[in-house]
Full PDB file with SEQRES, HELIX, SHEET, SSBOND, CRYST1, ORIGX, SCALE, CONECT and MASTER records, all heavy atoms in Angstrom:
SEQRES   1 A   39  TRP PRO GLY GLY LEU GLY LYS THR SER ASN HIS ALA ILE          
SEQRES   2 A   39  VAL LEU ALA GLN LEU TYR THR GLN GLY THR CYS HIS GLY          
SEQRES   3 A   39  LEU HIS ALA PHE ILE VAL PRO ILE ARG SER MET SER THR          
SHEET    1 AA1 2 HIS A  11  THR A  20  0                                        
SHEET    2 AA1 2 THR A  23  PRO A  33 -1                                        
CRYST1    1.000    1.000    1.000  90.00  90.00  90.00 P 1           1          
ORIGX1      1.000000  0.000000  0.000000        0.00000                         
ORIGX2      0.000000  1.000000  0.000000        0.00000                         
ORIGX3      0.000000  0.000000  1.000000        0.00000                         
SCALE1      1.000000  0.000000  0.000000        0.00000                         
SCALE2      0.000000  1.000000  0.000000        0.00000                         
SCALE3      0.000000  0.000000  1.000000        0.00000                         
ATOM      1  N   TRP A   1      96.897 185.512 -61.644  1.00  0.00           N  
ATOM      2  CA  TRP A   1      96.518 184.096 -61.555  1.00  0.00           C  
ATOM      3  C   TRP A   1      97.148 183.297 -60.417  1.00  0.00           C  
ATOM      4  O   TRP A   1      96.606 182.231 -60.066  1.00  0.00           O  
ATOM      5  CB  TRP A   1      96.780 183.321 -62.859  1.00  0.00           C  
ATOM      6  CG  TRP A   1      95.716 183.527 -63.906  1.00  0.00           C  
ATOM      7  CD1 TRP A   1      95.873 184.148 -65.102  1.00  0.00           C  
ATOM      8  CD2 TRP A   1      94.342 183.100 -63.854  1.00  0.00           C  
ATOM      9  NE1 TRP A   1      94.686 184.148 -65.806  1.00  0.00           N  
ATOM     10  CE2 TRP A   1      93.732 183.507 -65.063  1.00  0.00           C  
ATOM     11  CE3 TRP A   1      93.569 182.427 -62.914  1.00  0.00           C  
ATOM     12  CZ2 TRP A   1      92.392 183.263 -65.348  1.00  0.00           C  
ATOM     13  CZ3 TRP A   1      92.234 182.175 -63.196  1.00  0.00           C  
ATOM     14  CH2 TRP A   1      91.656 182.596 -64.403  1.00  0.00           C  
ATOM     15  N   PRO A   2      98.281 183.692 -59.823  1.00  0.00           N  
ATOM     16  CA  PRO A   2      98.853 182.799 -58.808  1.00  0.00           C  
ATOM     17  C   PRO A   2      97.852 182.449 -57.706  1.00  0.00           C  
ATOM     18  O   PRO A   2      97.214 183.335 -57.126  1.00  0.00           O  
ATOM     19  CB  PRO A   2     100.025 183.619 -58.238  1.00  0.00           C  
ATOM     20  CG  PRO A   2     100.425 184.507 -59.364  1.00  0.00           C  
ATOM     21  CD  PRO A   2      99.137 184.879 -60.042  1.00  0.00           C  
ATOM     22  N   GLY A   3      97.717 181.156 -57.416  1.00  0.00           N  
ATOM     23  CA  GLY A   3      96.825 180.713 -56.358  1.00  0.00           C  
ATOM     24  C   GLY A   3      97.362 181.104 -54.991  1.00  0.00           C  
ATOM     25  O   GLY A   3      98.567 181.061 -54.744  1.00  0.00           O  
ATOM     26  N   GLY A   4      96.462 181.501 -54.096  1.00  0.00           N  
ATOM     27  CA  GLY A   4      96.867 181.906 -52.758  1.00  0.00           C  
ATOM     28  C   GLY A   4      97.392 183.317 -52.669  1.00  0.00           C  
ATOM     29  O   GLY A   4      97.689 183.810 -51.579  1.00  0.00           O  
ATOM     30  N   LEU A   5      97.511 183.995 -53.802  1.00  0.00           N  
ATOM     31  CA  LEU A   5      98.048 185.360 -53.805  1.00  0.00           C  
ATOM     32  C   LEU A   5      97.009 186.372 -53.338  1.00  0.00           C  
ATOM     33  O   LEU A   5      97.332 187.340 -52.661  1.00  0.00           O  
ATOM     34  CB  LEU A   5      98.537 185.718 -55.219  1.00  0.00           C  
ATOM     35  CG  LEU A   5      99.063 187.136 -55.448  1.00  0.00           C  
ATOM     36  CD1 LEU A   5     100.283 187.419 -54.578  1.00  0.00           C  
ATOM     37  CD2 LEU A   5      99.430 187.335 -56.926  1.00  0.00           C  
ATOM     38  N   GLY A   6      95.747 186.149 -53.685  1.00  0.00           N  
ATOM     39  CA  GLY A   6      94.708 187.159 -53.454  1.00  0.00           C  
ATOM     40  C   GLY A   6      94.548 187.562 -52.004  1.00  0.00           C  
ATOM     41  O   GLY A   6      94.488 188.748 -51.676  1.00  0.00           O  
ATOM     42  N   LYS A   7      94.493 186.581 -51.094  1.00  0.00           N  
ATOM     43  CA  LYS A   7      94.225 186.876 -49.687  1.00  0.00           C  
ATOM     44  C   LYS A   7      95.089 186.084 -48.708  1.00  0.00           C  
ATOM     45  O   LYS A   7      95.199 186.457 -47.552  1.00  0.00           O  
ATOM     46  CB  LYS A   7      92.744 186.583 -49.364  1.00  0.00           C  
ATOM     47  CG  LYS A   7      91.750 187.492 -50.058  1.00  0.00           C  
ATOM     48  CD  LYS A   7      91.874 188.922 -49.561  1.00  0.00           C  
ATOM     49  CE  LYS A   7      90.958 189.880 -50.300  1.00  0.00           C  
ATOM     50  NZ  LYS A   7      91.164 191.286 -49.885  1.00  0.00           N  
ATOM     51  N   THR A   8      95.691 184.978 -49.162  1.00  0.00           N  
ATOM     52  CA  THR A   8      96.289 184.024 -48.225  1.00  0.00           C  
ATOM     53  C   THR A   8      97.759 184.290 -47.933  1.00  0.00           C  
ATOM     54  O   THR A   8      98.177 184.251 -46.773  1.00  0.00           O  
ATOM     55  CB  THR A   8      96.138 182.584 -48.777  1.00  0.00           C  
ATOM     56  OG1 THR A   8      94.768 182.341 -49.098  1.00  0.00           O  
ATOM     57  CG2 THR A   8      96.603 181.571 -47.769  1.00  0.00           C  
ATOM     58  N   SER A   9      98.564 184.564 -48.962  1.00  0.00           N  
ATOM     59  CA  SER A   9     100.025 184.561 -48.820  1.00  0.00           C  
ATOM     60  C   SER A   9     100.566 185.864 -48.254  1.00  0.00           C  
ATOM     61  O   SER A   9      99.992 186.938 -48.451  1.00  0.00           O  
ATOM     62  CB  SER A   9     100.680 184.302 -50.185  1.00  0.00           C  
ATOM     63  OG  SER A   9     100.256 183.064 -50.700  1.00  0.00           O  
ATOM     64  N   ASN A  10     101.722 185.750 -47.573  1.00  0.00           N  
ATOM     65  CA  ASN A  10     102.437 186.960 -47.150  1.00  0.00           C  
ATOM     66  C   ASN A  10     103.785 187.112 -47.862  1.00  0.00           C  
ATOM     67  O   ASN A  10     104.474 188.106 -47.683  1.00  0.00           O  
ATOM     68  CB  ASN A  10     102.624 187.000 -45.631  1.00  0.00           C  
ATOM     69  CG  ASN A  10     103.304 185.772 -45.065  1.00  0.00           C  
ATOM     70  OD1 ASN A  10     104.123 185.130 -45.731  1.00  0.00           O  
ATOM     71  ND2 ASN A  10     102.962 185.411 -43.827  1.00  0.00           N  
ATOM     72  N   HIS A  11     104.173 186.112 -48.647  1.00  0.00           N  
ATOM     73  CA  HIS A  11     105.376 186.176 -49.473  1.00  0.00           C  
ATOM     74  C   HIS A  11     105.069 185.594 -50.845  1.00  0.00           C  
ATOM     75  O   HIS A  11     104.125 184.803 -50.983  1.00  0.00           O  
ATOM     76  CB  HIS A  11     106.533 185.378 -48.852  1.00  0.00           C  
ATOM     77  CG  HIS A  11     107.240 186.076 -47.731  1.00  0.00           C  
ATOM     78  ND1 HIS A  11     106.624 186.333 -46.517  1.00  0.00           N  
ATOM     79  CD2 HIS A  11     108.515 186.566 -47.623  1.00  0.00           C  
ATOM     80  CE1 HIS A  11     107.489 186.959 -45.722  1.00  0.00           C  
ATOM     81  NE2 HIS A  11     108.636 187.108 -46.373  1.00  0.00           N  
ATOM     82  N   ALA A  12     105.870 185.975 -51.815  1.00  0.00           N  
ATOM     83  CA  ALA A  12     105.747 185.383 -53.148  1.00  0.00           C  
ATOM     84  C   ALA A  12     107.133 185.184 -53.735  1.00  0.00           C  
ATOM     85  O   ALA A  12     108.022 186.034 -53.558  1.00  0.00           O  
ATOM     86  CB  ALA A  12     104.918 186.277 -54.067  1.00  0.00           C  
ATOM     87  N   ILE A  13     107.331 184.044 -54.389  1.00  0.00           N  
ATOM     88  CA  ILE A  13     108.501 183.898 -55.254  1.00  0.00           C  
ATOM     89  C   ILE A  13     108.099 184.509 -56.589  1.00  0.00           C  
ATOM     90  O   ILE A  13     107.175 184.031 -57.254  1.00  0.00           O  
ATOM     91  CB  ILE A  13     108.907 182.427 -55.417  1.00  0.00           C  
ATOM     92  CG1 ILE A  13     109.522 181.926 -54.105  1.00  0.00           C  
ATOM     93  CG2 ILE A  13     109.901 182.265 -56.561  1.00  0.00           C  
ATOM     94  CD1 ILE A  13     109.885 180.464 -54.102  1.00  0.00           C  
ATOM     95  N   VAL A  14     108.764 185.601 -56.944  1.00  0.00           N  
ATOM     96  CA  VAL A  14     108.405 186.382 -58.130  1.00  0.00           C  
ATOM     97  C   VAL A  14     109.447 186.143 -59.213  1.00  0.00           C  
ATOM     98  O   VAL A  14     110.657 186.300 -58.973  1.00  0.00           O  
ATOM     99  CB  VAL A  14     108.328 187.885 -57.796  1.00  0.00           C  
ATOM    100  CG1 VAL A  14     108.086 188.709 -59.058  1.00  0.00           C  
ATOM    101  CG2 VAL A  14     107.216 188.142 -56.777  1.00  0.00           C  
ATOM    102  N   LEU A  15     108.996 185.751 -60.397  1.00  0.00           N  
ATOM    103  CA  LEU A  15     109.891 185.664 -61.542  1.00  0.00           C  
ATOM    104  C   LEU A  15     109.950 187.019 -62.223  1.00  0.00           C  
ATOM    105  O   LEU A  15     108.916 187.590 -62.576  1.00  0.00           O  
ATOM    106  CB  LEU A  15     109.428 184.579 -62.521  1.00  0.00           C  
ATOM    107  CG  LEU A  15     110.216 183.266 -62.404  1.00  0.00           C  
ATOM    108  CD1 LEU A  15     109.916 182.607 -61.069  1.00  0.00           C  
ATOM    109  CD2 LEU A  15     109.913 182.330 -63.545  1.00  0.00           C  
ATOM    110  N   ALA A  16     111.168 187.539 -62.385  1.00  0.00           N  
ATOM    111  CA  ALA A  16     111.339 188.881 -62.939  1.00  0.00           C  
ATOM    112  C   ALA A  16     112.606 188.931 -63.784  1.00  0.00           C  
ATOM    113  O   ALA A  16     113.525 188.115 -63.621  1.00  0.00           O  
ATOM    114  CB  ALA A  16     111.425 189.911 -61.810  1.00  0.00           C  
ATOM    115  N   GLN A  17     112.633 189.899 -64.690  1.00  0.00           N  
ATOM    116  CA  GLN A  17     113.819 190.133 -65.521  1.00  0.00           C  
ATOM    117  C   GLN A  17     114.881 190.824 -64.668  1.00  0.00           C  
ATOM    118  O   GLN A  17     114.647 191.892 -64.122  1.00  0.00           O  
ATOM    119  CB  GLN A  17     113.460 191.016 -66.723  1.00  0.00           C  
ATOM    120  CG  GLN A  17     112.351 190.476 -67.607  1.00  0.00           C  
ATOM    121  CD  GLN A  17     112.786 189.305 -68.467  1.00  0.00           C  
ATOM    122  OE1 GLN A  17     113.958 188.923 -68.470  1.00  0.00           O  
ATOM    123  NE2 GLN A  17     111.842 188.735 -69.214  1.00  0.00           N  
ATOM    124  N   LEU A  18     116.053 190.187 -64.567  1.00  0.00           N  
ATOM    125  CA  LEU A  18     117.129 190.712 -63.728  1.00  0.00           C  
ATOM    126  C   LEU A  18     117.962 191.733 -64.504  1.00  0.00           C  
ATOM    127  O   LEU A  18     118.503 191.428 -65.567  1.00  0.00           O  
ATOM    128  CB  LEU A  18     118.021 189.564 -63.253  1.00  0.00           C  
ATOM    129  CG  LEU A  18     119.376 189.947 -62.658  1.00  0.00           C  
ATOM    130  CD1 LEU A  18     119.185 190.761 -61.382  1.00  0.00           C  
ATOM    131  CD2 LEU A  18     120.218 188.699 -62.377  1.00  0.00           C  
ATOM    132  N   TYR A  19     118.063 192.931 -63.957  1.00  0.00           N  
ATOM    133  CA  TYR A  19     118.935 193.967 -64.508  1.00  0.00           C  
ATOM    134  C   TYR A  19     120.037 194.279 -63.494  1.00  0.00           C  
ATOM    135  O   TYR A  19     119.759 194.581 -62.327  1.00  0.00           O  
ATOM    136  CB  TYR A  19     118.146 195.252 -64.793  1.00  0.00           C  
ATOM    137  CG  TYR A  19     117.256 195.174 -66.012  1.00  0.00           C  
ATOM    138  CD1 TYR A  19     115.974 194.636 -65.913  1.00  0.00           C  
ATOM    139  CD2 TYR A  19     117.692 195.631 -67.247  1.00  0.00           C  
ATOM    140  CE1 TYR A  19     115.145 194.556 -67.029  1.00  0.00           C  
ATOM    141  CE2 TYR A  19     116.877 195.559 -68.369  1.00  0.00           C  
ATOM    142  CZ  TYR A  19     115.599 195.024 -68.248  1.00  0.00           C  
ATOM    143  OH  TYR A  19     114.790 194.946 -69.362  1.00  0.00           O  
ATOM    144  N   THR A  20     121.286 194.192 -63.939  1.00  0.00           N  
ATOM    145  CA  THR A  20     122.401 194.598 -63.096  1.00  0.00           C  
ATOM    146  C   THR A  20     123.520 195.131 -63.979  1.00  0.00           C  
ATOM    147  O   THR A  20     123.763 194.601 -65.077  1.00  0.00           O  
ATOM    148  CB  THR A  20     122.903 193.432 -62.217  1.00  0.00           C  
ATOM    149  OG1 THR A  20     123.982 193.906 -61.400  1.00  0.00           O  
ATOM    150  CG2 THR A  20     123.366 192.243 -63.027  1.00  0.00           C  
ATOM    151  N   GLN A  21     124.142 196.183 -63.533  1.00  0.00           N  
ATOM    152  CA  GLN A  21     125.216 196.856 -64.274  1.00  0.00           C  
ATOM    153  C   GLN A  21     124.771 197.187 -65.706  1.00  0.00           C  
ATOM    154  O   GLN A  21     125.529 197.057 -66.667  1.00  0.00           O  
ATOM    155  CB  GLN A  21     126.481 195.980 -64.288  1.00  0.00           C  
ATOM    156  CG  GLN A  21     127.070 195.776 -62.897  1.00  0.00           C  
ATOM    157  CD  GLN A  21     128.318 194.920 -62.892  1.00  0.00           C  
ATOM    158  OE1 GLN A  21     128.553 194.136 -63.812  1.00  0.00           O  
ATOM    159  NE2 GLN A  21     129.133 195.062 -61.844  1.00  0.00           N  
ATOM    160  N   GLY A  22     123.520 197.595 -65.829  1.00  0.00           N  
ATOM    161  CA  GLY A  22     122.979 198.051 -67.111  1.00  0.00           C  
ATOM    162  C   GLY A  22     122.632 196.955 -68.093  1.00  0.00           C  
ATOM    163  O   GLY A  22     122.268 197.236 -69.244  1.00  0.00           O  
ATOM    164  N   THR A  23     122.701 195.688 -67.672  1.00  0.00           N  
ATOM    165  CA  THR A  23     122.434 194.570 -68.577  1.00  0.00           C  
ATOM    166  C   THR A  23     121.278 193.726 -68.051  1.00  0.00           C  
ATOM    167  O   THR A  23     121.186 193.481 -66.843  1.00  0.00           O  
ATOM    168  CB  THR A  23     123.686 193.680 -68.726  1.00  0.00           C  
ATOM    169  OG1 THR A  23     124.762 194.483 -69.216  1.00  0.00           O  
ATOM    170  CG2 THR A  23     123.432 192.536 -69.700  1.00  0.00           C  
ATOM    171  N   CYS A  24     120.411 193.269 -68.965  1.00  0.00           N  
ATOM    172  CA  CYS A  24     119.339 192.345 -68.599  1.00  0.00           C  
ATOM    173  C   CYS A  24     119.855 190.913 -68.745  1.00  0.00           C  
ATOM    174  O   CYS A  24     120.341 190.526 -69.810  1.00  0.00           O  
ATOM    175  CB  CYS A  24     118.112 192.554 -69.475  1.00  0.00           C  
ATOM    176  SG  CYS A  24     116.758 191.406 -69.088  1.00  0.00           S  
ATOM    177  N   HIS A  25     119.715 190.127 -67.699  1.00  0.00           N  
ATOM    178  CA  HIS A  25     120.194 188.742 -67.705  1.00  0.00           C  
ATOM    179  C   HIS A  25     119.044 187.740 -67.714  1.00  0.00           C  
ATOM    180  O   HIS A  25     119.244 186.559 -67.398  1.00  0.00           O  
ATOM    181  CB  HIS A  25     121.104 188.494 -66.499  1.00  0.00           C  
ATOM    182  CG  HIS A  25     122.377 189.282 -66.543  1.00  0.00           C  
ATOM    183  ND1 HIS A  25     123.438 188.937 -67.352  1.00  0.00           N  
ATOM    184  CD2 HIS A  25     122.736 190.425 -65.898  1.00  0.00           C  
ATOM    185  CE1 HIS A  25     124.413 189.818 -67.192  1.00  0.00           C  
ATOM    186  NE2 HIS A  25     124.018 190.734 -66.321  1.00  0.00           N  
ATOM    187  N   GLY A  26     117.868 188.185 -68.070  1.00  0.00           N  
ATOM    188  CA  GLY A  26     116.745 187.262 -68.196  1.00  0.00           C  
ATOM    189  C   GLY A  26     116.058 186.964 -66.879  1.00  0.00           C  
ATOM    190  O   GLY A  26     116.295 187.625 -65.853  1.00  0.00           O  
ATOM    191  N   LEU A  27     115.212 185.957 -66.903  1.00  0.00           N  
ATOM    192  CA  LEU A  27     114.363 185.662 -65.753  1.00  0.00           C  
ATOM    193  C   LEU A  27     115.120 185.016 -64.610  1.00  0.00           C  
ATOM    194  O   LEU A  27     115.916 184.098 -64.811  1.00  0.00           O  
ATOM    195  CB  LEU A  27     113.226 184.725 -66.168  1.00  0.00           C  
ATOM    196  CG  LEU A  27     112.079 185.376 -66.945  1.00  0.00           C  
ATOM    197  CD1 LEU A  27     111.067 184.313 -67.318  1.00  0.00           C  
ATOM    198  CD2 LEU A  27     111.423 186.467 -66.133  1.00  0.00           C  
ATOM    199  N   HIS A  28     114.833 185.496 -63.406  1.00  0.00           N  
ATOM    200  CA  HIS A  28     115.355 184.913 -62.182  1.00  0.00           C  
ATOM    201  C   HIS A  28     114.266 184.981 -61.120  1.00  0.00           C  
ATOM    202  O   HIS A  28     113.294 185.731 -61.259  1.00  0.00           O  
ATOM    203  CB  HIS A  28     116.621 185.642 -61.722  1.00  0.00           C  
ATOM    204  CG  HIS A  28     117.791 185.410 -62.622  1.00  0.00           C  
ATOM    205  ND1 HIS A  28     117.879 185.982 -63.876  1.00  0.00           N  
ATOM    206  CD2 HIS A  28     118.907 184.642 -62.478  1.00  0.00           C  
ATOM    207  CE1 HIS A  28     119.002 185.586 -64.459  1.00  0.00           C  
ATOM    208  NE2 HIS A  28     119.646 184.781 -63.633  1.00  0.00           N  
ATOM    209  N   ALA A  29     114.443 184.194 -60.070  1.00  0.00           N  
ATOM    210  CA  ALA A  29     113.428 184.098 -59.021  1.00  0.00           C  
ATOM    211  C   ALA A  29     113.852 184.904 -57.795  1.00  0.00           C  
ATOM    212  O   ALA A  29     115.012 184.834 -57.358  1.00  0.00           O  
ATOM    213  CB  ALA A  29     113.209 182.637 -58.647  1.00  0.00           C  
ATOM    214  N   PHE A  30     112.881 185.640 -57.238  1.00  0.00           N  
ATOM    215  CA  PHE A  30     113.130 186.516 -56.088  1.00  0.00           C  
ATOM    216  C   PHE A  30     112.055 186.276 -55.028  1.00  0.00           C  
ATOM    217  O   PHE A  30     110.886 186.098 -55.359  1.00  0.00           O  
ATOM    218  CB  PHE A  30     113.105 187.987 -56.509  1.00  0.00           C  
ATOM    219  CG  PHE A  30     114.118 188.330 -57.572  1.00  0.00           C  
ATOM    220  CD1 PHE A  30     113.829 188.124 -58.919  1.00  0.00           C  
ATOM    221  CD2 PHE A  30     115.358 188.839 -57.218  1.00  0.00           C  
ATOM    222  CE1 PHE A  30     114.762 188.422 -59.899  1.00  0.00           C  
ATOM    223  CE2 PHE A  30     116.297 189.145 -58.201  1.00  0.00           C  
ATOM    224  CZ  PHE A  30     116.000 188.934 -59.538  1.00  0.00           C  
ATOM    225  N   ILE A  31     112.480 186.294 -53.771  1.00  0.00           N  
ATOM    226  CA  ILE A  31     111.528 186.159 -52.660  1.00  0.00           C  
ATOM    227  C   ILE A  31     111.092 187.559 -52.244  1.00  0.00           C  
ATOM    228  O   ILE A  31     111.912 188.366 -51.785  1.00  0.00           O  
ATOM    229  CB  ILE A  31     112.167 185.430 -51.470  1.00  0.00           C  
ATOM    230  CG1 ILE A  31     112.701 184.069 -51.913  1.00  0.00           C  
ATOM    231  CG2 ILE A  31     111.159 185.261 -50.338  1.00  0.00           C  
ATOM    232  CD1 ILE A  31     113.566 183.385 -50.865  1.00  0.00           C  
ATOM    233  N   VAL A  32     109.808 187.842 -52.416  1.00  0.00           N  
ATOM    234  CA  VAL A  32     109.292 189.185 -52.159  1.00  0.00           C  
ATOM    235  C   VAL A  32     108.241 189.144 -51.048  1.00  0.00           C  
ATOM    236  O   VAL A  32     107.197 188.500 -51.199  1.00  0.00           O  
ATOM    237  CB  VAL A  32     108.653 189.793 -53.430  1.00  0.00           C  
ATOM    238  CG1 VAL A  32     108.147 191.208 -53.148  1.00  0.00           C  
ATOM    239  CG2 VAL A  32     109.662 189.801 -54.580  1.00  0.00           C  
ATOM    240  N   PRO A  33     108.498 189.819 -49.904  1.00  0.00           N  
ATOM    241  CA  PRO A  33     107.434 189.960 -48.897  1.00  0.00           C  
ATOM    242  C   PRO A  33     106.325 190.845 -49.468  1.00  0.00           C  
ATOM    243  O   PRO A  33     106.602 191.901 -50.048  1.00  0.00           O  
ATOM    244  CB  PRO A  33     108.139 190.655 -47.728  1.00  0.00           C  
ATOM    245  CG  PRO A  33     109.609 190.498 -47.989  1.00  0.00           C  
ATOM    246  CD  PRO A  33     109.760 190.443 -49.472  1.00  0.00           C  
ATOM    247  N   ILE A  34     105.075 190.408 -49.334  1.00  0.00           N  
ATOM    248  CA  ILE A  34     103.971 191.196 -49.903  1.00  0.00           C  
ATOM    249  C   ILE A  34     102.980 191.680 -48.849  1.00  0.00           C  
ATOM    250  O   ILE A  34     102.241 192.638 -49.089  1.00  0.00           O  
ATOM    251  CB  ILE A  34     103.223 190.414 -50.997  1.00  0.00           C  
ATOM    252  CG1 ILE A  34     102.674 189.093 -50.452  1.00  0.00           C  
ATOM    253  CG2 ILE A  34     104.134 190.166 -52.199  1.00  0.00           C  
ATOM    254  CD1 ILE A  34     101.798 188.335 -51.445  1.00  0.00           C  
ATOM    255  N   ARG A  35     102.958 191.039 -47.697  1.00  0.00           N  
ATOM    256  CA  ARG A  35     102.046 191.450 -46.621  1.00  0.00           C  
ATOM    257  C   ARG A  35     102.795 191.457 -45.295  1.00  0.00           C  
ATOM    258  O   ARG A  35     103.744 190.705 -45.089  1.00  0.00           O  
ATOM    259  CB  ARG A  35     100.837 190.509 -46.528  1.00  0.00           C  
ATOM    260  CG  ARG A  35      99.830 190.666 -47.652  1.00  0.00           C  
ATOM    261  CD  ARG A  35      98.598 189.773 -47.405  1.00  0.00           C  
ATOM    262  NE  ARG A  35      97.520 190.062 -48.360  1.00  0.00           N  
ATOM    263  CZ  ARG A  35      97.342 189.417 -49.505  1.00  0.00           C  
ATOM    264  NH1 ARG A  35      98.177 188.441 -49.839  1.00  0.00           N  
ATOM    265  NH2 ARG A  35      96.350 189.742 -50.299  1.00  0.00           N  
ATOM    266  N   SER A  36     102.326 192.286 -44.390  1.00  0.00           N  
ATOM    267  CA  SER A  36     102.910 192.368 -43.057  1.00  0.00           C  
ATOM    268  C   SER A  36     102.764 191.033 -42.340  1.00  0.00           C  
ATOM    269  O   SER A  36     101.696 190.412 -42.386  1.00  0.00           O  
ATOM    270  CB  SER A  36     102.212 193.466 -42.247  1.00  0.00           C  
ATOM    271  OG  SER A  36     102.496 193.324 -40.871  1.00  0.00           O  
ATOM    272  N   MET A  37     103.823 190.593 -41.675  1.00  0.00           N  
ATOM    273  CA  MET A  37     103.778 189.329 -40.937  1.00  0.00           C  
ATOM    274  C   MET A  37     102.909 189.452 -39.683  1.00  0.00           C  
ATOM    275  O   MET A  37     102.468 188.441 -39.139  1.00  0.00           O  
ATOM    276  CB  MET A  37     105.191 188.905 -40.540  1.00  0.00           C  
ATOM    277  CG  MET A  37     106.128 188.679 -41.711  1.00  0.00           C  
ATOM    278  SD  MET A  37     105.900 187.085 -42.490  1.00  0.00           S  
ATOM    279  CE  MET A  37     106.886 186.051 -41.417  1.00  0.00           C  
ATOM    280  N   SER A  38     102.647 190.681 -39.234  1.00  0.00           N  
ATOM    281  CA  SER A  38     101.856 190.861 -38.005  1.00  0.00           C  
ATOM    282  C   SER A  38     100.402 191.216 -38.295  1.00  0.00           C  
ATOM    283  O   SER A  38      99.492 190.698 -37.647  1.00  0.00           O  
ATOM    284  CB  SER A  38     102.486 191.956 -37.127  1.00  0.00           C  
ATOM    285  OG  SER A  38     102.610 193.166 -37.854  1.00  0.00           O  
ATOM    286  N   THR A  39     100.161 192.066 -39.299  1.00  0.00           N  
ATOM    287  CA  THR A  39      98.781 192.504 -39.580  1.00  0.00           C  
ATOM    288  C   THR A  39      98.195 191.880 -40.838  1.00  0.00           C  
ATOM    289  O   THR A  39      96.992 191.933 -41.061  1.00  0.00           O  
ATOM    290  CB  THR A  39      98.731 194.031 -39.745  1.00  0.00           C  
ATOM    291  OG1 THR A  39      99.460 194.398 -40.941  1.00  0.00           O  
ATOM    292  CG2 THR A  39      99.339 194.731 -38.539  1.00  0.00           C  
TER     293      THR A  39                                                      
MASTER        0    0    0    0    2    0    0    6  292    1    0    3          
END                                                                             
C-alpha cells in the first residue's frame, strides 16, 4: 500500500521488528535503498 513505492521511489523508510543480541526490541524505522540511484 505505500504510495510512491510501486514505481516512483528509490528509498523507503521501513518499519521493522528490530532483533539484536538475540532479542526483539519491537518496531523501529530503517532507511532502505530499494532502487539504483543511476538506473
